[in-house]
Amino acid sequence: MSDPSRPTAIELALVPRPAELRMHERRRFLLDLVVTNRGDEPIDPSLDGARLSINGEDSVYFALALSNGIRDRSRRLLPSQTATNTWPNMGRSLFPRPGDYTLELSLGEVTAPAVLVRVRRW
């Protein structure tokens, strides 16, 4: 159980690149997962157990990609350091049709601010 008097040591952010794209451009979509250590001790930035929801539904594709990814488990994020993990080739699976998609990344009790990705037909 976390101590409510201590600030959360990890901060998350999602950066979609681009945030607006066309259906035929989905293959070039990149999703940056940004982890910042706001605590006083080194942390593991691997995001094991992170969840990505899209329009309120957990993304199975993201869960599979995260569990199958190769990570350096010896890497530690020092206080005030930031690490960015870029996930390529996810656009076709995350965005199957044109529309607005709200993405939200969470890890335990920490949730990144939601971001909007707009996919246009043409």
PDB file of N, CA and C in Angstrom:
ATOM      1  N   MET A   1       0.838  -1.175   0.000  1.00  0.00           N
ATOM      2  CA  MET A   1       0.000   0.000   0.000  1.00  0.00           C
ATOM      3  C   MET A   1       0.883   1.238   0.000  1.00  0.00           C
ATOM      4  N   SER A   2       0.535   2.233  -0.815  1.00  0.00           N
ATOM      5  CA  SER A   2       1.361   3.427  -0.921  1.00  0.00           C
ATOM      6  C   SER A   2       1.088   4.379   0.241  1.00  0.00           C
ATOM      7  N   ASP A   3       2.102   5.146   0.572  1.00  0.00           N
ATOM      8  CA  ASP A   3       2.015   6.121   1.656  1.00  0.00           C
ATOM      9  C   ASP A   3       1.487   7.428   1.071  1.00  0.00           C
ATOM     10  N   PRO A   4       0.281   7.895   1.456  1.00  0.00           N
ATOM     11  CA  PRO A   4      -0.297   9.098   0.871  1.00  0.00           C
ATOM     12  C   PRO A   4       0.485  10.359   1.190  1.00  0.00           C
ATOM     13  N   SER A   5       1.362  10.319   2.197  1.00  0.00           N
ATOM     14  CA  SER A   5       2.153  11.505   2.536  1.00  0.00           C
ATOM     15  C   SER A   5       3.361  11.657   1.618  1.00  0.00           C
ATOM     16  N   ARG A   6       3.701  10.594   0.885  1.00  0.00           N
ATOM     17  CA  ARG A   6       4.836  10.646  -0.038  1.00  0.00           C
ATOM     18  C   ARG A   6       4.335  10.883  -1.451  1.00  0.00           C
ATOM     19  N   PRO A   7       4.973  11.799  -2.184  1.00  0.00           N
ATOM     20  CA  PRO A   7       4.542  12.011  -3.574  1.00  0.00           C
ATOM     21  C   PRO A   7       4.878  10.787  -4.430  1.00  0.00           C
ATOM     22  N   THR A   8       4.101  10.580  -5.482  1.00  0.00           N
ATOM     23  CA  THR A   8       4.349   9.476  -6.390  1.00  0.00           C
ATOM     24  C   THR A   8       5.697   9.687  -7.067  1.00  0.00           C
ATOM     25  N   ALA A   9       6.500   8.627  -7.107  1.00  0.00           N
ATOM     26  CA  ALA A   9       7.853   8.741  -7.637  1.00  0.00           C
ATOM     27  C   ALA A   9       7.896   8.757  -9.162  1.00  0.00           C
ATOM     28  N   ILE A  10       6.833   8.283  -9.798  1.00  0.00           N
ATOM     29  CA  ILE A  10       6.858   8.163 -11.251  1.00  0.00           C
ATOM     30  C   ILE A  10       5.812   9.078 -11.883  1.00  0.00           C
ATOM     31  N   GLU A  11       6.204   9.688 -12.982  1.00  0.00           N
ATOM     32  CA  GLU A  11       5.281  10.513 -13.769  1.00  0.00           C
ATOM     33  C   GLU A  11       5.271   9.948 -15.183  1.00  0.00           C
ATOM     34  N   LEU A  12       4.091   9.813 -15.765  1.00  0.00           N
ATOM     35  CA  LEU A  12       3.941   9.254 -17.105  1.00  0.00           C
ATOM     36  C   LEU A  12       3.381  10.286 -18.067  1.00  0.00           C
ATOM     37  N   ALA A  13       3.762  10.153 -19.321  1.00  0.00           N
ATOM     38  CA  ALA A  13       3.185  10.981 -20.384  1.00  0.00           C
ATOM     39  C   ALA A  13       3.147  10.164 -21.668  1.00  0.00           C
ATOM     40  N   LEU A  14       2.153  10.424 -22.485  1.00  0.00           N
ATOM     41  CA  LEU A  14       2.023   9.835 -23.814  1.00  0.00           C
ATOM     42  C   LEU A  14       2.219  10.933 -24.845  1.00  0.00           C
ATOM     43  N   VAL A  15       3.009  10.636 -25.878  1.00  0.00           N
ATOM     44  CA  VAL A  15       3.204  11.602 -26.954  1.00  0.00           C
ATOM     45  C   VAL A  15       2.957  10.881 -28.277  1.00  0.00           C
ATOM     46  N   PRO A  16       1.779  11.083 -28.883  1.00  0.00           N
ATOM     47  CA  PRO A  16       1.513  10.465 -30.182  1.00  0.00           C
ATOM     48  C   PRO A  16       2.166  11.288 -31.291  1.00  0.00           C
ATOM     49  N   ARG A  17       2.778  10.577 -32.253  1.00  0.00           N
ATOM     50  CA  ARG A  17       3.413  11.271 -33.380  1.00  0.00           C
ATOM     51  C   ARG A  17       2.995  10.605 -34.684  1.00  0.00           C
ATOM     52  N   PRO A  18       2.206  11.247 -35.489  1.00  0.00           N
ATOM     53  CA  PRO A  18       1.520  12.517 -35.275  1.00  0.00           C
ATOM     54  C   PRO A  18       0.218  12.294 -34.497  1.00  0.00           C
ATOM     55  N   ALA A  19      -0.363  13.375 -34.034  1.00  0.00           N
ATOM     56  CA  ALA A  19      -1.635  13.287 -33.309  1.00  0.00           C
ATOM     57  C   ALA A  19      -2.823  13.302 -34.264  1.00  0.00           C
ATOM     58  N   GLU A  20      -2.575  13.645 -35.507  1.00  0.00           N
ATOM     59  CA  GLU A  20      -3.612  13.602 -36.532  1.00  0.00           C
ATOM     60  C   GLU A  20      -3.002  12.973 -37.780  1.00  0.00           C
ATOM     61  N   LEU A  21      -3.677  11.963 -38.301  1.00  0.00           N
ATOM     62  CA  LEU A  21      -3.160  11.263 -39.466  1.00  0.00           C
ATOM     63  C   LEU A  21      -4.301  10.706 -40.296  1.00  0.00           C
ATOM     64  N   ARG A  22      -3.949  10.242 -41.492  1.00  0.00           N
ATOM     65  CA  ARG A  22      -4.924   9.623 -42.382  1.00  0.00           C
ATOM     66  C   ARG A  22      -4.768   8.109 -42.310  1.00  0.00           C
ATOM     67  N   MET A  23      -5.790   7.399 -42.741  1.00  0.00           N
ATOM     68  CA  MET A  23      -5.769   5.934 -42.670  1.00  0.00           C
ATOM     69  C   MET A  23      -4.513   5.347 -43.318  1.00  0.00           C
ATOM     70  N   HIS A  24      -4.133   5.853 -44.482  1.00  0.00           N
ATOM     71  CA  HIS A  24      -2.981   5.291 -45.178  1.00  0.00           C
ATOM     72  C   HIS A  24      -1.653   5.664 -44.509  1.00  0.00           C
ATOM     73  N   GLU A  25      -1.674   6.539 -43.523  1.00  0.00           N
ATOM     74  CA  GLU A  25      -0.456   6.955 -42.824  1.00  0.00           C
ATOM     75  C   GLU A  25      -0.248   6.224 -41.497  1.00  0.00           C
ATOM     76  N   ARG A  26      -1.149   5.337 -41.137  1.00  0.00           N
ATOM     77  CA  ARG A  26      -1.068   4.684 -39.824  1.00  0.00           C
ATOM     78  C   ARG A  26       0.233   3.927 -39.620  1.00  0.00           C
ATOM     79  N   ARG A  27       0.839   3.417 -40.672  1.00  0.00           N
ATOM     80  CA  ARG A  27       2.073   2.640 -40.523  1.00  0.00           C
ATOM     81  C   ARG A  27       3.232   3.492 -40.005  1.00  0.00           C
ATOM     82  N   ARG A  28       3.164   4.810 -40.181  1.00  0.00           N
ATOM     83  CA  ARG A  28       4.249   5.675 -39.703  1.00  0.00           C
ATOM     84  C   ARG A  28       3.979   6.251 -38.308  1.00  0.00           C
ATOM     85  N   PHE A  29       2.868   5.869 -37.697  1.00  0.00           N
ATOM     86  CA  PHE A  29       2.518   6.376 -36.375  1.00  0.00           C
ATOM     87  C   PHE A  29       3.507   5.866 -35.321  1.00  0.00           C
ATOM     88  N   LEU A  30       3.947   6.761 -34.448  1.00  0.00           N
ATOM     89  CA  LEU A  30       4.827   6.426 -33.329  1.00  0.00           C
ATOM     90  C   LEU A  30       4.153   6.853 -32.041  1.00  0.00           C
ATOM     91  N   LEU A  31       4.343   6.066 -30.988  1.00  0.00           N
ATOM     92  CA  LEU A  31       3.806   6.409 -29.684  1.00  0.00           C
ATOM     93  C   LEU A  31       4.958   6.435 -28.691  1.00  0.00           C
ATOM     94  N   ASP A  32       5.238   7.619 -28.166  1.00  0.00           N
ATOM     95  CA  ASP A  32       6.278   7.769 -27.152  1.00  0.00           C
ATOM     96  C   ASP A  32       5.665   7.618 -25.772  1.00  0.00           C
ATOM     97  N   LEU A  33       6.257   6.764 -24.952  1.00  0.00           N
ATOM     98  CA  LEU A  33       5.877   6.592 -23.556  1.00  0.00           C
ATOM     99  C   LEU A  33       6.993   7.238 -22.743  1.00  0.00           C
ATOM    100  N   VAL A  34       6.670   8.309 -22.055  1.00  0.00           N
ATOM    101  CA  VAL A  34       7.681   9.083 -21.331  1.00  0.00           C
ATOM    102  C   VAL A  34       7.528   8.816 -19.837  1.00  0.00           C
ATOM    103  N   VAL A  35       8.634   8.427 -19.209  1.00  0.00           N
ATOM    104  CA  VAL A  35       8.667   8.123 -17.776  1.00  0.00           C
ATOM    105  C   VAL A  35       9.644   9.083 -17.118  1.00  0.00           C
ATOM    106  N   THR A  36       9.185   9.770 -16.071  1.00  0.00           N
ATOM    107  CA  THR A  36      10.042  10.675 -15.322  1.00  0.00           C
ATOM    108  C   THR A  36      10.059  10.243 -13.861  1.00  0.00           C
ATOM    109  N   ASN A  37      11.255  10.195 -13.296  1.00  0.00           N
ATOM    110  CA  ASN A  37      11.411   9.852 -11.883  1.00  0.00           C
ATOM    111  C   ASN A  37      11.308  11.130 -11.058  1.00  0.00           C
ATOM    112  N   ARG A  38      10.230  11.287 -10.315  1.00  0.00           N
ATOM    113  CA  ARG A  38      10.014  12.455  -9.448  1.00  0.00           C
ATOM    114  C   ARG A  38      10.388  12.166  -7.993  1.00  0.00           C
ATOM    115  N   GLY A  39      10.879  10.964  -7.749  1.00  0.00           N
ATOM    116  CA  GLY A  39      11.223  10.577  -6.380  1.00  0.00           C
ATOM    117  C   GLY A  39      12.676  10.850  -6.044  1.00  0.00           C
ATOM    118  N   ASP A  40      13.089  10.329  -4.886  1.00  0.00           N
ATOM    119  CA  ASP A  40      14.450  10.529  -4.385  1.00  0.00           C
ATOM    120  C   ASP A  40      15.349   9.330  -4.613  1.00  0.00           C
ATOM    121  N   GLU A  41      14.777   8.230  -5.093  1.00  0.00           N
ATOM    122  CA  GLU A  41      15.518   6.981  -5.289  1.00  0.00           C
ATOM    123  C   GLU A  41      15.431   6.560  -6.753  1.00  0.00           C
ATOM    124  N   PRO A  42      16.433   5.805  -7.246  1.00  0.00           N
ATOM    125  CA  PRO A  42      16.345   5.268  -8.613  1.00  0.00           C
ATOM    126  C   PRO A  42      15.131   4.346  -8.749  1.00  0.00           C
ATOM    127  N   ILE A  43      14.543   4.313  -9.952  1.00  0.00           N
ATOM    128  CA  ILE A  43      13.394   3.454 -10.224  1.00  0.00           C
ATOM    129  C   ILE A  43      13.625   2.656 -11.505  1.00  0.00           C
ATOM    130  N   ASP A  44      12.840   1.613 -11.678  1.00  0.00           N
ATOM    131  CA  ASP A  44      12.849   0.810 -12.894  1.00  0.00           C
ATOM    132  C   ASP A  44      11.867   1.447 -13.877  1.00  0.00           C
ATOM    133  N   PRO A  45      12.352   1.936 -15.027  1.00  0.00           N
ATOM    134  CA  PRO A  45      11.463   2.611 -15.991  1.00  0.00           C
ATOM    135  C   PRO A  45      10.831   1.680 -17.015  1.00  0.00           C
ATOM    136  N   SER A  46      10.822   0.373 -16.776  1.00  0.00           N
ATOM    137  CA  SER A  46      10.433  -0.589 -17.806  1.00  0.00           C
ATOM    138  C   SER A  46       8.945  -0.610 -18.148  1.00  0.00           C
ATOM    139  N   LEU A  47       8.080  -0.070 -17.295  1.00  0.00           N
ATOM    140  CA  LEU A  47       6.634  -0.031 -17.521  1.00  0.00           C
ATOM    141  C   LEU A  47       5.980  -1.403 -17.506  1.00  0.00           C
ATOM    142  N   ASP A  48       6.617  -2.382 -16.861  1.00  0.00           N
ATOM    143  CA  ASP A  48       5.972  -3.694 -16.718  1.00  0.00           C
ATOM    144  C   ASP A  48       4.622  -3.497 -16.030  1.00  0.00           C
ATOM    145  N   GLY A  49       3.588  -4.035 -16.613  1.00  0.00           N
ATOM    146  CA  GLY A  49       2.256  -3.923 -16.034  1.00  0.00           C
ATOM    147  C   GLY A  49       1.499  -2.678 -16.442  1.00  0.00           C
ATOM    148  N   ALA A  50       2.083  -1.842 -17.300  1.00  0.00           N
ATOM    149  CA  ALA A  50       1.372  -0.641 -17.763  1.00  0.00           C
ATOM    150  C   ALA A  50       0.195  -1.051 -18.635  1.00  0.00           C
ATOM    151  N   ARG A  51      -0.831  -0.217 -18.639  1.00  0.00           N
ATOM    152  CA  ARG A  51      -2.027  -0.456 -19.454  1.00  0.00           C
ATOM    153  C   ARG A  51      -2.289   0.759 -20.321  1.00  0.00           C
ATOM    154  N   LEU A  52      -2.641   0.504 -21.560  1.00  0.00           N
ATOM    155  CA  LEU A  52      -3.049   1.568 -22.469  1.00  0.00           C
ATOM    156  C   LEU A  52      -4.522   1.360 -22.768  1.00  0.00           C
ATOM    157  N   SER A  53      -5.325   2.370 -22.458  1.00  0.00           N
ATOM    158  CA  SER A  53      -6.737   2.270 -22.828  1.00  0.00           C
ATOM    159  C   SER A  53      -6.991   3.205 -24.001  1.00  0.00           C
ATOM    160  N   ILE A  54      -7.847   2.738 -24.895  1.00  0.00           N
ATOM    161  CA  ILE A  54      -8.222   3.503 -26.072  1.00  0.00           C
ATOM    162  C   ILE A  54      -9.737   3.626 -26.035  1.00  0.00           C
ATOM    163  N   ASN A  55     -10.203   4.853 -25.921  1.00  0.00           N
ATOM    164  CA  ASN A  55     -11.633   5.114 -25.781  1.00  0.00           C
ATOM    165  C   ASN A  55     -12.246   4.281 -24.643  1.00  0.00           C
ATOM    166  N   GLY A  56     -11.488   4.168 -23.545  1.00  0.00           N
ATOM    167  CA  GLY A  56     -11.985   3.489 -22.355  1.00  0.00           C
ATOM    168  C   GLY A  56     -11.812   1.983 -22.321  1.00  0.00           C
ATOM    169  N   GLU A  57     -11.267   1.394 -23.384  1.00  0.00           N
ATOM    170  CA  GLU A  57     -11.074  -0.057 -23.448  1.00  0.00           C
ATOM    171  C   GLU A  57      -9.581  -0.372 -23.426  1.00  0.00           C
ATOM    172  N   ASP A  58      -9.188  -1.364 -22.615  1.00  0.00           N
ATOM    173  CA  ASP A  58      -7.783  -1.778 -22.602  1.00  0.00           C
ATOM    174  C   ASP A  58      -7.373  -2.301 -23.973  1.00  0.00           C
ATOM    175  N   SER A  59      -6.187  -1.907 -24.420  1.00  0.00           N
ATOM    176  CA  SER A  59      -5.661  -2.357 -25.701  1.00  0.00           C
ATOM    177  C   SER A  59      -4.924  -3.680 -25.527  1.00  0.00           C
ATOM    178  N   VAL A  60      -5.484  -4.739 -26.089  1.00  0.00           N
ATOM    179  CA  VAL A  60      -4.855  -6.052 -26.041  1.00  0.00           C
ATOM    180  C   VAL A  60      -3.558  -6.028 -26.843  1.00  0.00           C
ATOM    181  N   TYR A  61      -3.574  -5.343 -27.964  1.00  0.00           N
ATOM    182  CA  TYR A  61      -2.381  -5.268 -28.806  1.00  0.00           C
ATOM    183  C   TYR A  61      -1.224  -4.631 -28.034  1.00  0.00           C
ATOM    184  N   PHE A  62      -1.484  -3.548 -27.309  1.00  0.00           N
ATOM    185  CA  PHE A  62      -0.442  -2.898 -26.523  1.00  0.00           C
ATOM    186  C   PHE A  62       0.078  -3.841 -25.434  1.00  0.00           C
ATOM    187  N   ALA A  63      -0.820  -4.543 -24.764  1.00  0.00           N
ATOM    188  CA  ALA A  63      -0.407  -5.475 -23.710  1.00  0.00           C
ATOM    189  C   ALA A  63       0.516  -6.556 -24.272  1.00  0.00           C
ATOM    190  N   LEU A  64       0.184  -7.083 -25.441  1.00  0.00           N
ATOM    191  CA  LEU A  64       1.040  -8.093 -26.076  1.00  0.00           C
ATOM    192  C   LEU A  64       2.388  -7.507 -26.473  1.00  0.00           C
ATOM    193  N   ALA A  65       2.379  -6.313 -27.053  1.00  0.00           N
ATOM    194  CA  ALA A  65       3.625  -5.673 -27.464  1.00  0.00           C
ATOM    195  C   ALA A  65       4.512  -5.401 -26.252  1.00  0.00           C
ATOM    196  N   LEU A  66       3.918  -4.938 -25.166  1.00  0.00           N
ATOM    197  CA  LEU A  66       4.685  -4.635 -23.961  1.00  0.00           C
ATOM    198  C   LEU A  66       5.261  -5.911 -23.345  1.00  0.00           C
ATOM    199  N   SER A  67       4.478  -6.963 -23.289  1.00  0.00           N
ATOM    200  CA  SER A  67       4.962  -8.202 -22.676  1.00  0.00           C
ATOM    201  C   SER A  67       6.011  -8.907 -23.532  1.00  0.00           C
ATOM    202  N   ASN A  68       5.987  -8.681 -24.842  1.00  0.00           N
ATOM    203  CA  ASN A  68       6.951  -9.314 -25.732  1.00  0.00           C
ATOM    204  C   ASN A  68       8.180  -8.463 -26.004  1.00  0.00           C
ATOM    205  N   GLY A  69       8.199  -7.240 -25.480  1.00  0.00           N
ATOM    206  CA  GLY A  69       9.311  -6.334 -25.744  1.00  0.00           C
ATOM    207  C   GLY A  69      10.578  -6.738 -25.014  1.00  0.00           C
ATOM    208  N   ILE A  70      11.697  -6.352 -25.593  1.00  0.00           N
ATOM    209  CA  ILE A  70      12.997  -6.604 -24.979  1.00  0.00           C
ATOM    210  C   ILE A  70      13.364  -5.368 -24.172  1.00  0.00           C
ATOM    211  N   ARG A  71      13.672  -5.592 -22.890  1.00  0.00           N
ATOM    212  CA  ARG A  71      14.009  -4.481 -22.009  1.00  0.00           C
ATOM    213  C   ARG A  71      15.296  -4.775 -21.263  1.00  0.00           C
ATOM    214  N   ASP A  72      16.041  -3.728 -20.988  1.00  0.00           N
ATOM    215  CA  ASP A  72      17.243  -3.826 -20.181  1.00  0.00           C
ATOM    216  C   ASP A  72      16.835  -3.707 -18.718  1.00  0.00           C
ATOM    217  N   ARG A  73      16.724  -4.823 -18.033  1.00  0.00           N
ATOM    218  CA  ARG A  73      16.251  -4.831 -16.651  1.00  0.00           C
ATOM    219  C   ARG A  73      17.263  -4.236 -15.675  1.00  0.00           C
ATOM    220  N   SER A  74      18.500  -4.041 -16.101  1.00  0.00           N
ATOM    221  CA  SER A  74      19.506  -3.459 -15.206  1.00  0.00           C
ATOM    222  C   SER A  74      19.451  -1.928 -15.216  1.00  0.00           C
ATOM    223  N   ARG A  75      18.719  -1.376 -16.149  1.00  0.00           N
ATOM    224  CA  ARG A  75      18.644   0.085 -16.283  1.00  0.00           C
ATOM    225  C   ARG A  75      17.811   0.681 -15.158  1.00  0.00           C
ATOM    226  N   ARG A  76      18.307   1.739 -14.550  1.00  0.00           N
ATOM    227  CA  ARG A  76      17.605   2.445 -13.485  1.00  0.00           C
ATOM    228  C   ARG A  76      17.494   3.907 -13.882  1.00  0.00           C
ATOM    229  N   LEU A  77      16.384   4.510 -13.535  1.00  0.00           N
ATOM    230  CA  LEU A  77      16.152   5.920 -13.817  1.00  0.00           C
ATOM    231  C   LEU A  77      16.433   6.688 -12.533  1.00  0.00           C
ATOM    232  N   LEU A  78      17.437   7.538 -12.564  1.00  0.00           N
ATOM    233  CA  LEU A  78      17.833   8.309 -11.391  1.00  0.00           C
ATOM    234  C   LEU A  78      16.836   9.433 -11.119  1.00  0.00           C
ATOM    235  N   PRO A  79      16.828   9.977  -9.897  1.00  0.00           N
ATOM    236  CA  PRO A  79      15.919  11.091  -9.595  1.00  0.00           C
ATOM    237  C   PRO A  79      16.054  12.215 -10.623  1.00  0.00           C
ATOM    238  N   SER A  80      14.918  12.751 -11.039  1.00  0.00           N
ATOM    239  CA  SER A  80      14.802  13.843 -12.014  1.00  0.00           C
ATOM    240  C   SER A  80      15.119  13.435 -13.446  1.00  0.00           C
ATOM    241  N   GLN A  81      15.457  12.181 -13.688  1.00  0.00           N
ATOM    242  CA  GLN A  81      15.726  11.737 -15.055  1.00  0.00           C
ATOM    243  C   GLN A  81      14.437  11.339 -15.754  1.00  0.00           C
ATOM    244  N   THR A  82      14.473  11.448 -17.077  1.00  0.00           N
ATOM    245  CA  THR A  82      13.354  11.071 -17.931  1.00  0.00           C
ATOM    246  C   THR A  82      13.835  10.076 -18.971  1.00  0.00           C
ATOM    247  N   ALA A  83      13.011   9.082 -19.244  1.00  0.00           N
ATOM    248  CA  ALA A  83      13.298   8.108 -20.300  1.00  0.00           C
ATOM    249  C   ALA A  83      12.107   8.066 -21.243  1.00  0.00           C
ATOM    250  N   THR A  84      12.394   7.979 -22.533  1.00  0.00           N
ATOM    251  CA  THR A  84      11.343   7.887 -23.543  1.00  0.00           C
ATOM    252  C   THR A  84      11.478   6.558 -24.277  1.00  0.00           C
ATOM    253  N   ASN A  85      10.409   5.804 -24.285  1.00  0.00           N
ATOM    254  CA  ASN A  85      10.339   4.553 -25.034  1.00  0.00           C
ATOM    255  C   ASN A  85       9.415   4.794 -26.220  1.00  0.00           C
ATOM    256  N   THR A  86       9.931   4.605 -27.423  1.00  0.00           N
ATOM    257  CA  THR A  86       9.133   4.834 -28.627  1.00  0.00           C
ATOM    258  C   THR A  86       8.649   3.505 -29.178  1.00  0.00           C
ATOM    259  N   TRP A  87       7.334   3.439 -29.406  1.00  0.00           N
ATOM    260  CA  TRP A  87       6.711   2.231 -29.943  1.00  0.00           C
ATOM    261  C   TRP A  87       6.274   2.506 -31.378  1.00  0.00           C
ATOM    262  N   PRO A  88       6.960   1.895 -32.352  1.00  0.00           N
ATOM    263  CA  PRO A  88       6.576   2.065 -33.758  1.00  0.00           C
ATOM    264  C   PRO A  88       5.585   0.992 -34.198  1.00  0.00           C
ATOM    265  N   ASN A  89       5.060   1.156 -35.382  1.00  0.00           N
ATOM    266  CA  ASN A  89       4.254   0.123 -36.051  1.00  0.00           C
ATOM    267  C   ASN A  89       2.994  -0.284 -35.293  1.00  0.00           C
ATOM    268  N   MET A  90       2.412   0.608 -34.522  1.00  0.00           N
ATOM    269  CA  MET A  90       1.213   0.253 -33.774  1.00  0.00           C
ATOM    270  C   MET A  90      -0.051   0.883 -34.342  1.00  0.00           C
ATOM    271  N   GLY A  91       0.098   1.808 -35.286  1.00  0.00           N
ATOM    272  CA  GLY A  91      -1.048   2.554 -35.792  1.00  0.00           C
ATOM    273  C   GLY A  91      -2.157   1.710 -36.379  1.00  0.00           C
ATOM    274  N   ARG A  92      -1.813   0.714 -37.162  1.00  0.00           N
ATOM    275  CA  ARG A  92      -2.847  -0.112 -37.801  1.00  0.00           C
ATOM    276  C   ARG A  92      -3.636  -0.914 -36.779  1.00  0.00           C
ATOM    277  N   SER A  93      -2.980  -1.375 -35.743  1.00  0.00           N
ATOM    278  CA  SER A  93      -3.674  -2.174 -34.721  1.00  0.00           C
ATOM    279  C   SER A  93      -4.458  -1.307 -33.747  1.00  0.00           C
ATOM    280  N   LEU A  94      -3.924  -0.152 -33.406  1.00  0.00           N
ATOM    281  CA  LEU A  94      -4.600   0.708 -32.432  1.00  0.00           C
ATOM    282  C   LEU A  94      -5.776   1.462 -33.031  1.00  0.00           C
ATOM    283  N   PHE A  95      -5.690   1.766 -34.333  1.00  0.00           N
ATOM    284  CA  PHE A  95      -6.703   2.600 -34.984  1.00  0.00           C
ATOM    285  C   PHE A  95      -7.249   1.889 -36.218  1.00  0.00           C
ATOM    286  N   PRO A  96      -8.198   0.982 -36.040  1.00  0.00           N
ATOM    287  CA  PRO A  96      -8.681   0.168 -37.154  1.00  0.00           C
ATOM    288  C   PRO A  96      -9.553   0.905 -38.173  1.00  0.00           C
ATOM    289  N   ARG A  97     -10.089   2.073 -37.785  1.00  0.00           N
ATOM    290  CA  ARG A  97     -10.983   2.812 -38.693  1.00  0.00           C
ATOM    291  C   ARG A  97     -10.844   4.310 -38.402  1.00  0.00           C
ATOM    292  N   PRO A  98     -11.346   5.154 -39.290  1.00  0.00           N
ATOM    293  CA  PRO A  98     -11.284   6.593 -39.035  1.00  0.00           C
ATOM    294  C   PRO A  98     -12.060   6.951 -37.761  1.00  0.00           C
ATOM    295  N   GLY A  99     -11.597   7.998 -37.099  1.00  0.00           N
ATOM    296  CA  GLY A  99     -12.294   8.467 -35.902  1.00  0.00           C
ATOM    297  C   GLY A  99     -11.355   9.138 -34.924  1.00  0.00           C
ATOM    298  N   ASP A 100     -11.917   9.543 -33.799  1.00  0.00           N
ATOM    299  CA  ASP A 100     -11.149  10.139 -32.707  1.00  0.00           C
ATOM    300  C   ASP A 100     -10.898   9.070 -31.662  1.00  0.00           C
ATOM    301  N   TYR A 101      -9.651   8.978 -31.234  1.00  0.00           N
ATOM    302  CA  TYR A 101      -9.246   7.976 -30.254  1.00  0.00           C
ATOM    303  C   TYR A 101      -8.607   8.671 -29.059  1.00  0.00           C
ATOM    304  N   THR A 102      -9.139   8.419 -27.877  1.00  0.00           N
ATOM    305  CA  THR A 102      -8.562   8.955 -26.644  1.00  0.00           C
ATOM    306  C   THR A 102      -7.703   7.867 -26.027  1.00  0.00           C
ATOM    307  N   LEU A 103      -6.412   8.169 -25.857  1.00  0.00           N
ATOM    308  CA  LEU A 103      -5.454   7.219 -25.311  1.00  0.00           C
ATOM    309  C   LEU A 103      -5.086   7.631 -23.887  1.00  0.00           C
ATOM    310  N   GLU A 104      -4.996   6.629 -23.013  1.00  0.00           N
ATOM    311  CA  GLU A 104      -4.631   6.888 -21.626  1.00  0.00           C
ATOM    312  C   GLU A 104      -3.717   5.760 -21.153  1.00  0.00           C
ATOM    313  N   LEU A 105      -2.569   6.141 -20.619  1.00  0.00           N
ATOM    314  CA  LEU A 105      -1.585   5.187 -20.114  1.00  0.00           C
ATOM    315  C   LEU A 105      -1.636   5.186 -18.598  1.00  0.00           C
ATOM    316  N   SER A 106      -1.672   3.997 -18.002  1.00  0.00           N
ATOM    317  CA  SER A 106      -1.664   3.911 -16.538  1.00  0.00           C
ATOM    318  C   SER A 106      -0.707   2.815 -16.090  1.00  0.00           C
ATOM    319  N   LEU A 107      -0.152   3.032 -14.921  1.00  0.00           N
ATOM    320  CA  LEU A 107       0.739   2.064 -14.285  1.00  0.00           C
ATOM    321  C   LEU A 107       0.452   2.119 -12.799  1.00  0.00           C
ATOM    322  N   GLY A 108      -0.212   1.105 -12.298  1.00  0.00           N
ATOM    323  CA  GLY A 108      -0.621   1.123 -10.896  1.00  0.00           C
ATOM    324  C   GLY A 108      -1.570   2.279 -10.652  1.00  0.00           C
ATOM    325  N   GLU A 109      -1.235   3.130  -9.696  1.00  0.00           N
ATOM    326  CA  GLU A 109      -2.078   4.274  -9.348  1.00  0.00           C
ATOM    327  C   GLU A 109      -1.755   5.528 -10.156  1.00  0.00           C
ATOM    328  N   VAL A 110      -0.778   5.448 -11.043  1.00  0.00           N
ATOM    329  CA  VAL A 110      -0.345   6.612 -11.817  1.00  0.00           C
ATOM    330  C   VAL A 110      -0.954   6.550 -13.214  1.00  0.00           C
ATOM    331  N   THR A 111      -1.533   7.661 -13.650  1.00  0.00           N
ATOM    332  CA  THR A 111      -2.131   7.741 -14.985  1.00  0.00           C
ATOM    333  C   THR A 111      -1.609   8.985 -15.694  1.00  0.00           C
ATOM    334  N   ALA A 112      -1.205   8.799 -16.934  1.00  0.00           N
ATOM    335  CA  ALA A 112      -0.761   9.925 -17.756  1.00  0.00           C
ATOM    336  C   ALA A 112      -1.980  10.721 -18.210  1.00  0.00           C
ATOM    337  N   PRO A 113      -1.810  11.999 -18.467  1.00  0.00           N
ATOM    338  CA  PRO A 113      -2.922  12.766 -19.044  1.00  0.00           C
ATOM    339  C   PRO A 113      -3.355  12.135 -20.373  1.00  0.00           C
ATOM    340  N   ALA A 114      -4.637  12.079 -20.595  1.00  0.00           N
ATOM    341  CA  ALA A 114      -5.173  11.503 -21.828  1.00  0.00           C
ATOM    342  C   ALA A 114      -4.761  12.355 -23.026  1.00  0.00           C
ATOM    343  N   VAL A 115      -4.550  11.691 -24.162  1.00  0.00           N
ATOM    344  CA  VAL A 115      -4.238  12.391 -25.405  1.00  0.00           C
ATOM    345  C   VAL A 115      -5.227  11.945 -26.476  1.00  0.00           C
ATOM    346  N   LEU A 116      -5.474  12.823 -27.424  1.00  0.00           N
ATOM    347  CA  LEU A 116      -6.399  12.537 -28.521  1.00  0.00           C
ATOM    348  C   LEU A 116      -5.605  12.302 -29.798  1.00  0.00           C
ATOM    349  N   VAL A 117      -5.952  11.220 -30.500  1.00  0.00           N
ATOM    350  CA  VAL A 117      -5.406  10.945 -31.827  1.00  0.00           C
ATOM    351  C   VAL A 117      -6.587  10.932 -32.779  1.00  0.00           C
ATOM    352  N   ARG A 118      -6.488  11.723 -33.835  1.00  0.00           N
ATOM    353  CA  ARG A 118      -7.564  11.796 -34.845  1.00  0.00           C
ATOM    354  C   ARG A 118      -7.075  11.100 -36.115  1.00  0.00           C
ATOM    355  N   VAL A 119      -7.873  10.124 -36.559  1.00  0.00           N
ATOM    356  CA  VAL A 119      -7.570   9.390 -37.789  1.00  0.00           C
ATOM    357  C   VAL A 119      -8.643   9.746 -38.808  1.00  0.00           C
ATOM    358  N   ARG A 120      -8.190  10.320 -39.916  1.00  0.00           N
ATOM    359  CA  ARG A 120      -9.099  10.724 -40.983  1.00  0.00           C
ATOM    360  C   ARG A 120      -9.058   9.698 -42.108  1.00  0.00           C
ATOM    361  N   ARG A 121     -10.156   9.628 -42.827  1.00  0.00           N
ATOM    362  CA  ARG A 121     -10.227   8.688 -43.947  1.00  0.00           C
ATOM    363  C   ARG A 121      -9.257   9.105 -45.056  1.00  0.00           C
ATOM    364  N   TRP A 122      -9.280  10.346 -45.478  1.00  0.00           N
ATOM    365  CA  TRP A 122      -8.462  10.813 -46.612  1.00  0.00           C
ATOM    366  C   TRP A 122      -7.420  11.790 -46.174  1.00  0.00           C
TER     367      TRP A 122
END
